[in-house]
Amino acid sequence: MSLIGATVFVGIATMVLAAGTLVSVYLTTLTVRRQSQETLIIQQEVQIQQAAVERQAELLRVHSGQLKLQSQQFEDQRQANARHGEVLELQASEIRASLEQRQRDAAEHRRKQAARVTAWLARQEDAAPPSWGACVRNASDEPVFDVRVFFHHMREKDGGGYHAVSQGSPPPRETIGVLPPGEDRFVAIPENVRAMFGTITIDDTSSASSVEFTDAAGNRWERDPRGALVPGSLFLDRKPGHPLAGLPARSRRPFSTTDPPRYGRMTPMAASPSDDPDRSCDLARIRELARPHRTHGALIQQVLPHMTPDDFNETIAILERLGDPDESAHA
């Protein structure tokens, strides 16, 4: 190869290399531009994200402030509710105390007359012969009605103390219709009740009396053998379906203040010799069966469901034998 050809070849090769270099530089420039643009875009996105984060941070700060405010409001409301609750509790306590006082006042007012009616076992020395009985005193300012006396033997209990065992009472027809205010009445122990005592000595250490009566307001009361004043006797109120509904009944004329008063001083009342001792025993027994359950109510149908099956059956049998709801109502 000649020198000229070699020179031309080298020149051409140099031009090709220069062109390749230029192309490479151009491509590199394009790549750098694209990367620069991408970097700028990324920076813009970062700035946008930072701005969003800042906005979220601001929102969180605002929300946090709102939560703190709500929390403070809740705390203030809780304290207000607590104070209100204390006020309500105080008011409730005052209302309860007022209601209890009213109930005590009502109970005291209801018992006011009955508390002044008493009975005790006494011996009438001016009788011929002297006899034991019950002295009933109405020390109130109003009459009492439908007064019945019952006699009891005070039996000693095994663990000490005494409990009253009913021995009966004068027949219902000898009920004291009206006991005027400030009056006493002596009711002698009838013979059939004396027979129930048997060989037991009747005196004020081994015997006692109780009395049932209706006050001027129509409330029935009992002064029990120990002198305690308790709600009164059992009354039959037989509705359809009640266990006693099949028993015979008759109307009862209620006592009223228009009845002629039987005034008098310590008038003796004694049972007729023709009285049935068995009937008196039945009356005494039904009172004994019913007495432990009087806390359940004053009506006999309120008492019967609380009796044992044996006591229930015995009570029904006695009421059927008596056949007179008025007598059994006072038993």
C-alpha atoms as a PDB file:
ATOM      1  CA  MET A   1       0.000   0.000   0.000  1.00  0.00           C
ATOM      2  CA  SER A   2       1.247   3.464  -0.832  1.00  0.00           C
ATOM      3  CA  LEU A   3       1.773   6.189   1.688  1.00  0.00           C
ATOM      4  CA  ILE A   4      -1.119   8.154   0.253  1.00  0.00           C
ATOM      5  CA  GLY A   5      -3.543   5.278   0.640  1.00  0.00           C
ATOM      6  CA  ALA A   6      -2.455   4.742   4.203  1.00  0.00           C
ATOM      7  CA  THR A   7      -2.889   8.370   4.979  1.00  0.00           C
ATOM      8  CA  VAL A   8      -6.365   8.347   3.458  1.00  0.00           C
ATOM      9  CA  PHE A   9      -7.304   5.254   5.462  1.00  0.00           C
ATOM     10  CA  VAL A  10      -6.069   6.796   8.672  1.00  0.00           C
ATOM     11  CA  GLY A  11      -7.976   9.999   7.897  1.00  0.00           C
ATOM     12  CA  ILE A  12     -11.151   8.072   7.220  1.00  0.00           C
ATOM     13  CA  ALA A  13     -10.725   6.053  10.399  1.00  0.00           C
ATOM     14  CA  THR A  14     -10.110   9.249  12.329  1.00  0.00           C
ATOM     15  CA  MET A  15     -13.286  10.775  10.919  1.00  0.00           C
ATOM     16  CA  VAL A  16     -15.280   7.680  11.815  1.00  0.00           C
ATOM     17  CA  LEU A  17     -13.930   7.787  15.340  1.00  0.00           C
ATOM     18  CA  ALA A  18     -14.687  11.470  15.583  1.00  0.00           C
ATOM     19  CA  ALA A  19     -18.206  10.877  14.340  1.00  0.00           C
ATOM     20  CA  GLY A  20     -18.648   8.034  16.854  1.00  0.00           C
ATOM     21  CA  THR A  21     -17.363  10.287  19.567  1.00  0.00           C
ATOM     22  CA  LEU A  22     -19.793  13.004  18.585  1.00  0.00           C
ATOM     23  CA  VAL A  23     -22.672  10.545  18.567  1.00  0.00           C
ATOM     24  CA  SER A  24     -21.598   9.223  21.952  1.00  0.00           C
ATOM     25  CA  VAL A  25     -21.371  12.743  23.345  1.00  0.00           C
ATOM     26  CA  TYR A  26     -24.797  13.546  21.919  1.00  0.00           C
ATOM     27  CA  LEU A  27     -26.359  10.439  23.401  1.00  0.00           C
ATOM     28  CA  THR A  28     -24.659  11.109  26.723  1.00  0.00           C
ATOM     29  CA  THR A  29     -26.003  14.645  26.664  1.00  0.00           C
ATOM     30  CA  LEU A  30     -29.492  13.368  25.975  1.00  0.00           C
ATOM     31  CA  THR A  31     -29.208  10.867  28.826  1.00  0.00           C
ATOM     32  CA  VAL A  32     -27.971  13.553  31.211  1.00  0.00           C
ATOM     33  CA  ARG A  33     -30.862  15.790  30.184  1.00  0.00           C
ATOM     34  CA  ARG A  34     -33.400  13.048  30.734  1.00  0.00           C
ATOM     35  CA  GLN A  35     -31.876  12.237  34.127  1.00  0.00           C
ATOM     36  CA  SER A  36     -31.851  15.920  34.997  1.00  0.00           C
ATOM     37  CA  GLN A  37     -35.514  16.206  34.035  1.00  0.00           C
ATOM     38  CA  GLU A  38     -36.366  13.073  36.000  1.00  0.00           C
ATOM     39  CA  THR A  39     -34.422  14.421  38.981  1.00  0.00           C
ATOM     40  CA  LEU A  40     -36.322  17.686  38.709  1.00  0.00           C
ATOM     41  CA  ILE A  41     -39.628  15.818  38.535  1.00  0.00           C
ATOM     42  CA  ILE A  42     -38.637  13.742  41.566  1.00  0.00           C
ATOM     43  CA  GLN A  43     -37.683  16.892  43.450  1.00  0.00           C
ATOM     44  CA  GLN A  44     -41.028  18.424  42.569  1.00  0.00           C
ATOM     45  CA  GLU A  45     -42.834  15.275  43.733  1.00  0.00           C
ATOM     46  CA  VAL A  46     -40.815  15.319  46.946  1.00  0.00           C
ATOM     47  CA  GLN A  47     -41.746  18.937  47.476  1.00  0.00           C
ATOM     48  CA  ILE A  48     -45.395  18.135  46.816  1.00  0.00           C
ATOM     49  CA  GLN A  49     -45.220  15.225  49.267  1.00  0.00           C
ATOM     50  CA  GLN A  50     -43.499  17.423  51.822  1.00  0.00           C
ATOM     51  CA  ALA A  51     -46.214  20.026  51.381  1.00  0.00           C
ATOM     52  CA  ALA A  52     -48.851  17.284  51.809  1.00  0.00           C
ATOM     53  CA  VAL A  53     -47.090  15.986  54.902  1.00  0.00           C
ATOM     54  CA  GLU A  54     -46.957  19.489  56.304  1.00  0.00           C
ATOM     55  CA  ARG A  55     -50.661  19.922  55.601  1.00  0.00           C
ATOM     56  CA  GLN A  56     -51.381  16.579  57.285  1.00  0.00           C
ATOM     57  CA  ALA A  57     -49.212  17.593  60.206  1.00  0.00           C
ATOM     58  CA  GLU A  58     -51.177  20.829  60.475  1.00  0.00           C
ATOM     59  CA  LEU A  59     -54.441  18.933  60.280  1.00  0.00           C
ATOM     60  CA  LEU A  60     -53.203  16.561  62.963  1.00  0.00           C
ATOM     61  CA  ARG A  61     -52.249  19.504  65.157  1.00  0.00           C
ATOM     62  CA  VAL A  62     -55.708  21.014  64.623  1.00  0.00           C
ATOM     63  CA  HIS A  63     -57.383  17.648  65.277  1.00  0.00           C
ATOM     64  CA  SER A  64     -55.251  17.157  68.362  1.00  0.00           C
ATOM     65  CA  GLY A  65     -56.353  20.558  69.617  1.00  0.00           C
ATOM     66  CA  GLN A  66     -59.978  19.612  68.971  1.00  0.00           C
ATOM     67  CA  LEU A  67     -59.498  16.316  70.804  1.00  0.00           C
ATOM     68  CA  LYS A  68     -57.978  18.142  73.754  1.00  0.00           C
ATOM     69  CA  LEU A  69     -60.890  20.564  73.736  1.00  0.00           C
ATOM     70  CA  GLN A  70     -63.409  17.714  73.539  1.00  0.00           C
ATOM     71  CA  SER A  71     -61.556  15.875  76.274  1.00  0.00           C
ATOM     72  CA  GLN A  72     -61.747  18.961  78.475  1.00  0.00           C
ATOM     73  CA  GLN A  73     -65.437  19.331  77.646  1.00  0.00           C
ATOM     74  CA  PHE A  74     -66.013  15.656  78.526  1.00  0.00           C
ATOM     75  CA  GLU A  75     -64.169  16.137  81.816  1.00  0.00           C
ATOM     76  CA  ASP A  76     -66.204  19.260  82.576  1.00  0.00           C
ATOM     77  CA  GLN A  77     -69.392  17.355  81.698  1.00  0.00           C
ATOM     78  CA  ARG A  78     -68.330  14.423  83.882  1.00  0.00           C
ATOM     79  CA  GLN A  79     -67.712  16.732  86.816  1.00  0.00           C
ATOM     80  CA  ALA A  80     -71.030  18.466  86.172  1.00  0.00           C
ATOM     81  CA  ASN A  81     -72.774  15.079  86.021  1.00  0.00           C
ATOM     82  CA  ALA A  82     -71.067  14.034  89.247  1.00  0.00           C
ATOM     83  CA  ARG A  83     -72.234  17.215  90.956  1.00  0.00           C
ATOM     84  CA  HIS A  84     -75.695  16.737  89.478  1.00  0.00           C
ATOM     85  CA  GLY A  85     -75.697  13.129  90.679  1.00  0.00           C
ATOM     86  CA  GLU A  86     -74.803  14.279  94.186  1.00  0.00           C
ATOM     87  CA  VAL A  87     -77.631  16.795  94.062  1.00  0.00           C
ATOM     88  CA  LEU A  88     -80.040  14.116  92.785  1.00  0.00           C
ATOM     89  CA  GLU A  89     -78.901  11.686  95.498  1.00  0.00           C
ATOM     90  CA  LEU A  90     -79.415  14.393  98.109  1.00  0.00           C
ATOM     91  CA  GLN A  91     -82.855  15.131  96.705  1.00  0.00           C
ATOM     92  CA  ALA A  92     -83.663  11.405  96.578  1.00  0.00           C
ATOM     93  CA  SER A  93     -82.528  11.032 100.180  1.00  0.00           C
ATOM     94  CA  GLU A  94     -84.686  13.962 101.195  1.00  0.00           C
ATOM     95  CA  ILE A  95     -87.660  12.529  99.279  1.00  0.00           C
ATOM     96  CA  ARG A  96     -87.138   9.100 100.861  1.00  0.00           C
ATOM     97  CA  ALA A  97     -86.861  10.669 104.290  1.00  0.00           C
ATOM     98  CA  SER A  98     -89.988  12.712 103.615  1.00  0.00           C
ATOM     99  CA  LEU A  99     -91.900   9.637 102.389  1.00  0.00           C
ATOM    100  CA  GLU A 100     -90.728   7.587 105.364  1.00  0.00           C
ATOM    101  CA  GLN A 101     -91.768  10.383 107.708  1.00  0.00           C
ATOM    102  CA  ARG A 102     -95.150  10.592 105.992  1.00  0.00           C
ATOM    103  CA  GLN A 103     -95.555   6.841 106.279  1.00  0.00           C
ATOM    104  CA  ARG A 104     -94.623   6.988 109.963  1.00  0.00           C
ATOM    105  CA  ASP A 105     -97.020   9.875 110.481  1.00  0.00           C
ATOM    106  CA  ALA A 106     -99.765   8.021 108.586  1.00  0.00           C
ATOM    107  CA  ALA A 107     -99.125   4.824 110.560  1.00  0.00           C
ATOM    108  CA  GLU A 108     -99.076   6.771 113.809  1.00  0.00           C
ATOM    109  CA  HIS A 109    -102.289   8.556 112.859  1.00  0.00           C
ATOM    110  CA  ARG A 110    -103.867   5.233 111.850  1.00  0.00           C
ATOM    111  CA  ARG A 111    -102.851   3.669 115.171  1.00  0.00           C
ATOM    112  CA  LYS A 112    -103.692   6.731 117.248  1.00  0.00           C
ATOM    113  CA  GLN A 113    -107.098   5.555 118.443  1.00  0.00           C
ATOM    114  CA  ALA A 114    -106.247   1.842 118.509  1.00  0.00           C
ATOM    115  CA  ALA A 115    -103.222   2.508 120.728  1.00  0.00           C
ATOM    116  CA  ARG A 116    -105.585   3.684 123.450  1.00  0.00           C
ATOM    117  CA  VAL A 117    -107.615   0.478 123.498  1.00  0.00           C
ATOM    118  CA  THR A 118    -106.229  -2.144 125.893  1.00  0.00           C
ATOM    119  CA  ALA A 119    -107.236  -5.385 127.546  1.00  0.00           C
ATOM    120  CA  TRP A 120    -105.852  -7.366 130.457  1.00  0.00           C
ATOM    121  CA  LEU A 121    -106.748 -10.365 132.535  1.00  0.00           C
ATOM    122  CA  ALA A 122    -108.501  -9.323 135.732  1.00  0.00           C
ATOM    123  CA  ARG A 123    -110.540 -10.785 138.584  1.00  0.00           C
ATOM    124  CA  GLN A 124    -113.965  -9.329 139.289  1.00  0.00           C
ATOM    125  CA  GLU A 125    -114.209  -9.423 143.035  1.00  0.00           C
ATOM    126  CA  ASP A 126    -117.727  -7.969 143.287  1.00  0.00           C
ATOM    127  CA  ALA A 127    -119.218 -10.791 141.197  1.00  0.00           C
ATOM    128  CA  ALA A 128    -120.971 -13.733 142.857  1.00  0.00           C
ATOM    129  CA  PRO A 129    -118.838 -15.765 142.881  1.00  0.00           C
ATOM    130  CA  PRO A 130    -115.682 -13.776 141.975  1.00  0.00           C
ATOM    131  CA  SER A 131    -114.550 -14.677 138.465  1.00  0.00           C
ATOM    132  CA  TRP A 132    -111.621 -14.203 136.127  1.00  0.00           C
ATOM    133  CA  GLY A 133    -112.065 -12.475 132.811  1.00  0.00           C
ATOM    134  CA  ALA A 134    -110.780  -9.722 130.587  1.00  0.00           C
ATOM    135  CA  CYS A 135    -111.130  -6.040 131.261  1.00  0.00           C
ATOM    136  CA  VAL A 136    -111.347  -4.075 128.005  1.00  0.00           C
ATOM    137  CA  ARG A 137    -110.746  -0.326 128.175  1.00  0.00           C
ATOM    138  CA  ASN A 138    -111.414   2.232 125.459  1.00  0.00           C
ATOM    139  CA  ALA A 139    -109.415   5.280 126.592  1.00  0.00           C
ATOM    140  CA  SER A 140    -109.801   7.009 123.219  1.00  0.00           C
ATOM    141  CA  ASP A 141    -112.171   9.846 122.371  1.00  0.00           C
ATOM    142  CA  GLU A 142    -114.224   7.747 119.931  1.00  0.00           C
ATOM    143  CA  PRO A 143    -116.121   4.480 120.193  1.00  0.00           C
ATOM    144  CA  VAL A 144    -114.736   1.160 118.975  1.00  0.00           C
ATOM    145  CA  PHE A 145    -116.838  -1.577 117.451  1.00  0.00           C
ATOM    146  CA  ASP A 146    -117.124  -5.328 117.058  1.00  0.00           C
ATOM    147  CA  VAL A 147    -115.010  -6.034 120.138  1.00  0.00           C
ATOM    148  CA  ARG A 148    -114.107  -9.687 120.789  1.00  0.00           C
ATOM    149  CA  VAL A 149    -112.052 -11.088 123.640  1.00  0.00           C
ATOM    150  CA  PHE A 150    -109.925 -14.259 123.543  1.00  0.00           C
ATOM    151  CA  PHE A 151    -108.276 -16.123 126.388  1.00  0.00           C
ATOM    152  CA  HIS A 152    -104.882 -17.829 126.345  1.00  0.00           C
ATOM    153  CA  HIS A 153    -102.736 -20.114 128.436  1.00  0.00           C
ATOM    154  CA  MET A 154     -99.129 -18.893 128.666  1.00  0.00           C
ATOM    155  CA  ARG A 155     -97.138 -22.088 128.060  1.00  0.00           C
ATOM    156  CA  GLU A 156     -93.470 -22.233 128.959  1.00  0.00           C
ATOM    157  CA  LYS A 157     -91.122 -22.956 126.055  1.00  0.00           C
ATOM    158  CA  ASP A 158     -88.257 -25.449 126.239  1.00  0.00           C
ATOM    159  CA  GLY A 159     -85.606 -22.816 125.621  1.00  0.00           C
ATOM    160  CA  GLY A 160     -87.095 -20.392 128.114  1.00  0.00           C
ATOM    161  CA  GLY A 161     -89.813 -17.803 127.817  1.00  0.00           C
ATOM    162  CA  TYR A 162     -93.508 -18.326 127.122  1.00  0.00           C
ATOM    163  CA  HIS A 163     -95.854 -18.515 124.187  1.00  0.00           C
ATOM    164  CA  ALA A 164     -99.597 -17.993 124.179  1.00  0.00           C
ATOM    165  CA  VAL A 165    -101.910 -20.934 123.427  1.00  0.00           C
ATOM    166  CA  SER A 166    -105.428 -19.817 122.530  1.00  0.00           C
ATOM    167  CA  GLN A 167    -108.170 -21.468 124.570  1.00  0.00           C
ATOM    168  CA  GLY A 168    -111.142 -19.808 122.869  1.00  0.00           C
ATOM    169  CA  SER A 169    -113.532 -16.936 123.432  1.00  0.00           C
ATOM    170  CA  PRO A 170    -117.178 -16.137 124.132  1.00  0.00           C
ATOM    171  CA  PRO A 171    -119.459 -16.959 121.176  1.00  0.00           C
ATOM    172  CA  PRO A 172    -119.671 -14.387 118.365  1.00  0.00           C
ATOM    173  CA  ARG A 173    -123.223 -13.424 119.333  1.00  0.00           C
ATOM    174  CA  GLU A 174    -121.765 -11.964 122.549  1.00  0.00           C
ATOM    175  CA  THR A 175    -119.445  -9.654 120.638  1.00  0.00           C
ATOM    176  CA  ILE A 176    -119.460  -6.167 122.146  1.00  0.00           C
ATOM    177  CA  GLY A 177    -121.111  -4.159 119.400  1.00  0.00           C
ATOM    178  CA  VAL A 178    -120.048  -0.718 120.624  1.00  0.00           C
ATOM    179  CA  LEU A 179    -117.603   0.194 123.373  1.00  0.00           C
ATOM    180  CA  PRO A 180    -118.074   3.920 124.042  1.00  0.00           C
ATOM    181  CA  PRO A 181    -115.147   6.279 124.601  1.00  0.00           C
ATOM    182  CA  GLY A 182    -113.744   6.309 128.121  1.00  0.00           C
ATOM    183  CA  GLU A 183    -115.588   3.095 129.070  1.00  0.00           C
ATOM    184  CA  ASP A 184    -114.453  -0.272 130.474  1.00  0.00           C
ATOM    185  CA  ARG A 185    -116.125  -3.599 129.898  1.00  0.00           C
ATOM    186  CA  PHE A 186    -115.525  -6.839 131.797  1.00  0.00           C
ATOM    187  CA  VAL A 187    -115.885 -10.103 129.871  1.00  0.00           C
ATOM    188  CA  ALA A 188    -115.981 -13.172 132.088  1.00  0.00           C
ATOM    189  CA  ILE A 189    -114.299 -16.392 130.969  1.00  0.00           C
ATOM    190  CA  PRO A 190    -117.163 -18.619 129.758  1.00  0.00           C
ATOM    191  CA  GLU A 191    -117.538 -22.160 131.018  1.00  0.00           C
ATOM    192  CA  ASN A 192    -116.557 -23.777 127.719  1.00  0.00           C
ATOM    193  CA  VAL A 193    -113.264 -21.835 127.737  1.00  0.00           C
ATOM    194  CA  ARG A 194    -112.686 -22.747 131.391  1.00  0.00           C
ATOM    195  CA  ALA A 195    -113.043 -26.372 130.314  1.00  0.00           C
ATOM    196  CA  MET A 196    -110.285 -25.845 127.753  1.00  0.00           C
ATOM    197  CA  PHE A 197    -107.905 -24.809 130.534  1.00  0.00           C
ATOM    198  CA  GLY A 198    -108.502 -28.161 132.249  1.00  0.00           C
ATOM    199  CA  THR A 199    -106.492 -28.421 135.436  1.00  0.00           C
ATOM    200  CA  ILE A 200    -104.488 -25.269 134.656  1.00  0.00           C
ATOM    201  CA  THR A 201    -104.990 -22.594 137.259  1.00  0.00           C
ATOM    202  CA  ILE A 202    -106.451 -19.458 135.739  1.00  0.00           C
ATOM    203  CA  ASP A 203    -104.726 -16.368 137.080  1.00  0.00           C
ATOM    204  CA  ASP A 204    -102.747 -13.388 135.797  1.00  0.00           C
ATOM    205  CA  THR A 205     -99.435 -15.294 135.953  1.00  0.00           C
ATOM    206  CA  SER A 206    -100.350 -18.297 133.788  1.00  0.00           C
ATOM    207  CA  SER A 207    -103.123 -16.854 131.638  1.00  0.00           C
ATOM    208  CA  ALA A 208    -103.636 -13.850 129.392  1.00  0.00           C
ATOM    209  CA  SER A 209    -106.252 -12.212 127.221  1.00  0.00           C
ATOM    210  CA  SER A 210    -106.273 -10.578 123.817  1.00  0.00           C
ATOM    211  CA  VAL A 211    -108.853  -8.380 122.162  1.00  0.00           C
ATOM    212  CA  GLU A 212    -109.874  -7.620 118.597  1.00  0.00           C
ATOM    213  CA  PHE A 213    -111.808  -4.510 117.630  1.00  0.00           C
ATOM    214  CA  THR A 214    -112.579  -2.106 114.811  1.00  0.00           C
ATOM    215  CA  ASP A 215    -111.669   1.559 115.244  1.00  0.00           C
ATOM    216  CA  ALA A 216    -113.835   4.493 114.198  1.00  0.00           C
ATOM    217  CA  ALA A 217    -112.074   4.614 110.796  1.00  0.00           C
ATOM    218  CA  GLY A 218    -112.991   1.000 110.041  1.00  0.00           C
ATOM    219  CA  ASN A 219    -109.530  -0.503 110.648  1.00  0.00           C
ATOM    220  CA  ARG A 220    -109.428  -3.897 112.357  1.00  0.00           C
ATOM    221  CA  TRP A 221    -106.861  -4.327 115.186  1.00  0.00           C
ATOM    222  CA  GLU A 222    -105.724  -6.884 117.713  1.00  0.00           C
ATOM    223  CA  ARG A 223    -104.093  -6.320 121.073  1.00  0.00           C
ATOM    224  CA  ASP A 224    -102.288  -9.656 121.394  1.00  0.00           C
ATOM    225  CA  PRO A 225    -101.674 -11.593 124.646  1.00  0.00           C
ATOM    226  CA  ARG A 226     -98.392  -9.749 125.188  1.00  0.00           C
ATOM    227  CA  GLY A 227    -100.034  -6.368 124.728  1.00  0.00           C
ATOM    228  CA  ALA A 228     -98.654  -5.634 121.258  1.00  0.00           C
ATOM    229  CA  LEU A 229    -100.938  -3.825 118.808  1.00  0.00           C
ATOM    230  CA  VAL A 230    -101.056  -5.630 115.446  1.00  0.00           C
ATOM    231  CA  PRO A 231    -103.314  -5.570 112.359  1.00  0.00           C
ATOM    232  CA  GLY A 232    -106.544  -7.302 113.105  1.00  0.00           C
ATOM    233  CA  SER A 233    -108.421 -10.453 112.457  1.00  0.00           C
ATOM    234  CA  LEU A 234    -108.818 -12.600 109.350  1.00  0.00           C
ATOM    235  CA  PHE A 235    -111.820 -11.863 107.162  1.00  0.00           C
ATOM    236  CA  LEU A 236    -113.218 -14.170 104.518  1.00  0.00           C
ATOM    237  CA  ASP A 237    -113.258 -12.662 101.051  1.00  0.00           C
ATOM    238  CA  ARG A 238    -114.067 -15.642  98.912  1.00  0.00           C
ATOM    239  CA  LYS A 239    -113.828 -14.987  95.190  1.00  0.00           C
ATOM    240  CA  PRO A 240    -114.602 -17.526  92.415  1.00  0.00           C
ATOM    241  CA  GLY A 241    -111.910 -20.161  92.277  1.00  0.00           C
ATOM    242  CA  HIS A 242    -110.804 -19.630  95.883  1.00  0.00           C
ATOM    243  CA  PRO A 243    -110.543 -22.815  98.047  1.00  0.00           C
ATOM    244  CA  LEU A 244    -113.215 -21.419 100.391  1.00  0.00           C
ATOM    245  CA  ALA A 245    -115.613 -20.417  97.612  1.00  0.00           C
ATOM    246  CA  GLY A 246    -117.744 -23.516  98.159  1.00  0.00           C
ATOM    247  CA  LEU A 247    -118.355 -22.935 101.846  1.00  0.00           C
ATOM    248  CA  PRO A 248    -121.779 -21.617 102.933  1.00  0.00           C
ATOM    249  CA  ALA A 249    -121.989 -17.887 103.535  1.00  0.00           C
ATOM    250  CA  ARG A 250    -124.452 -15.393 104.941  1.00  0.00           C
ATOM    251  CA  SER A 251    -124.472 -11.648 104.941  1.00  0.00           C
ATOM    252  CA  ARG A 252    -123.005  -9.805 107.895  1.00  0.00           C
ATOM    253  CA  ARG A 253    -124.572  -6.621 109.180  1.00  0.00           C
ATOM    254  CA  PRO A 254    -121.687  -4.238 109.870  1.00  0.00           C
ATOM    255  CA  PHE A 255    -121.604  -2.285 113.067  1.00  0.00           C
ATOM    256  CA  SER A 256    -122.153   1.424 112.699  1.00  0.00           C
ATOM    257  CA  THR A 257    -122.342   4.446 114.941  1.00  0.00           C
ATOM    258  CA  THR A 258    -126.131   4.490 114.372  1.00  0.00           C
ATOM    259  CA  ASP A 259    -126.525   1.262 116.398  1.00  0.00           C
ATOM    260  CA  PRO A 260    -127.902   1.854 119.885  1.00  0.00           C
ATOM    261  CA  PRO A 261    -124.871   2.061 122.221  1.00  0.00           C
ATOM    262  CA  ARG A 262    -124.733  -0.366 125.105  1.00  0.00           C
ATOM    263  CA  TYR A 263    -123.413   1.904 127.806  1.00  0.00           C
ATOM    264  CA  GLY A 264    -122.708   0.469 131.218  1.00  0.00           C
ATOM    265  CA  ARG A 265    -120.084  -0.208 133.784  1.00  0.00           C
ATOM    266  CA  MET A 266    -118.116  -3.448 133.775  1.00  0.00           C
ATOM    267  CA  THR A 267    -121.147  -5.475 132.677  1.00  0.00           C
ATOM    268  CA  PRO A 268    -120.310  -9.182 133.013  1.00  0.00           C
ATOM    269  CA  MET A 269    -120.623 -11.239 129.839  1.00  0.00           C
ATOM    270  CA  ALA A 270    -120.694 -15.016 130.117  1.00  0.00           C
ATOM    271  CA  ALA A 271    -121.374 -17.824 127.684  1.00  0.00           C
ATOM    272  CA  SER A 272    -124.655 -19.646 127.677  1.00  0.00           C
ATOM    273  CA  PRO A 273    -124.532 -23.231 129.071  1.00  0.00           C
ATOM    274  CA  SER A 274    -125.874 -24.409 125.713  1.00  0.00           C
ATOM    275  CA  ASP A 275    -122.715 -23.262 123.865  1.00  0.00           C
ATOM    276  CA  ASP A 276    -120.941 -25.970 121.868  1.00  0.00           C
ATOM    277  CA  PRO A 277    -117.459 -26.624 123.350  1.00  0.00           C
ATOM    278  CA  ASP A 278    -116.358 -28.326 120.108  1.00  0.00           C
ATOM    279  CA  ARG A 279    -117.154 -25.208 118.127  1.00  0.00           C
ATOM    280  CA  SER A 280    -115.160 -23.085 120.531  1.00  0.00           C
ATOM    281  CA  CYS A 281    -112.222 -25.509 120.193  1.00  0.00           C
ATOM    282  CA  ASP A 282    -112.435 -25.234 116.389  1.00  0.00           C
ATOM    283  CA  LEU A 283    -112.339 -21.455 116.560  1.00  0.00           C
ATOM    284  CA  ALA A 284    -109.350 -21.560 118.883  1.00  0.00           C
ATOM    285  CA  ARG A 285    -107.558 -24.036 116.625  1.00  0.00           C
ATOM    286  CA  ILE A 286    -108.070 -22.035 113.421  1.00  0.00           C
ATOM    287  CA  ARG A 287    -106.684 -18.930 115.128  1.00  0.00           C
ATOM    288  CA  GLU A 288    -103.655 -20.917 116.251  1.00  0.00           C
ATOM    289  CA  LEU A 289    -103.082 -22.226 112.699  1.00  0.00           C
ATOM    290  CA  ALA A 290    -103.409 -18.789 111.117  1.00  0.00           C
ATOM    291  CA  ARG A 291    -101.427 -16.723 113.619  1.00  0.00           C
ATOM    292  CA  PRO A 292     -97.851 -17.577 112.368  1.00  0.00           C
ATOM    293  CA  HIS A 293     -98.754 -16.399 108.843  1.00  0.00           C
ATOM    294  CA  ARG A 294    -100.391 -13.048 109.542  1.00  0.00           C
ATOM    295  CA  THR A 295     -97.375 -11.199 108.162  1.00  0.00           C
ATOM    296  CA  HIS A 296     -98.554 -12.264 104.685  1.00  0.00           C
ATOM    297  CA  GLY A 297    -101.809 -10.330 104.941  1.00  0.00           C
ATOM    298  CA  ALA A 298    -105.035  -9.840 106.829  1.00  0.00           C
ATOM    299  CA  LEU A 299    -107.266 -11.901 104.532  1.00  0.00           C
ATOM    300  CA  ILE A 300    -107.505 -15.615 105.055  1.00  0.00           C
ATOM    301  CA  GLN A 301    -106.866 -16.330 101.369  1.00  0.00           C
ATOM    302  CA  GLN A 302    -103.580 -14.463 101.740  1.00  0.00           C
ATOM    303  CA  VAL A 303    -102.609 -16.729 104.618  1.00  0.00           C
ATOM    304  CA  LEU A 304    -103.699 -20.115 103.263  1.00  0.00           C
ATOM    305  CA  PRO A 305    -101.049 -20.355 100.479  1.00  0.00           C
ATOM    306  CA  HIS A 306     -98.286 -20.019 103.083  1.00  0.00           C
ATOM    307  CA  MET A 307     -99.531 -22.855 105.296  1.00  0.00           C
ATOM    308  CA  THR A 308     -98.094 -26.332 105.205  1.00  0.00           C
ATOM    309  CA  PRO A 309    -100.284 -28.845 103.364  1.00  0.00           C
ATOM    310  CA  ASP A 310    -101.399 -30.430 106.649  1.00  0.00           C
ATOM    311  CA  ASP A 311    -102.292 -27.051 108.211  1.00  0.00           C
ATOM    312  CA  PHE A 312    -104.062 -25.999 105.004  1.00  0.00           C
ATOM    313  CA  ASN A 313    -106.189 -29.153 104.928  1.00  0.00           C
ATOM    314  CA  GLU A 314    -106.959 -28.874 108.629  1.00  0.00           C
ATOM    315  CA  THR A 315    -107.989 -25.229 108.216  1.00  0.00           C
ATOM    316  CA  ILE A 316    -110.322 -26.046 105.322  1.00  0.00           C
ATOM    317  CA  ALA A 317    -111.830 -28.924 107.315  1.00  0.00           C
ATOM    318  CA  ILE A 318    -112.453 -26.684 110.322  1.00  0.00           C
ATOM    319  CA  LEU A 319    -114.062 -23.973 108.162  1.00  0.00           C
ATOM    320  CA  GLU A 320    -116.326 -26.590 106.610  1.00  0.00           C
ATOM    321  CA  ARG A 321    -117.316 -27.812 110.073  1.00  0.00           C
ATOM    322  CA  LEU A 322    -118.004 -24.304 111.303  1.00  0.00           C
ATOM    323  CA  GLY A 323    -120.158 -23.476 108.312  1.00  0.00           C
ATOM    324  CA  ASP A 324    -120.315 -19.830 109.461  1.00  0.00           C
ATOM    325  CA  PRO A 325    -117.824 -17.538 107.710  1.00  0.00           C
ATOM    326  CA  ASP A 326    -118.410 -14.742 110.215  1.00  0.00           C
ATOM    327  CA  GLU A 327    -117.255 -16.855 113.089  1.00  0.00           C
ATOM    328  CA  SER A 328    -114.292 -18.306 111.228  1.00  0.00           C
ATOM    329  CA  ALA A 329    -113.350 -14.843 110.011  1.00  0.00           C
ATOM    330  CA  HIS A 330    -112.773 -13.868 113.633  1.00  0.00           C
ATOM    331  CA  ALA A 331    -111.134 -17.147 114.597  1.00  0.00           C
END
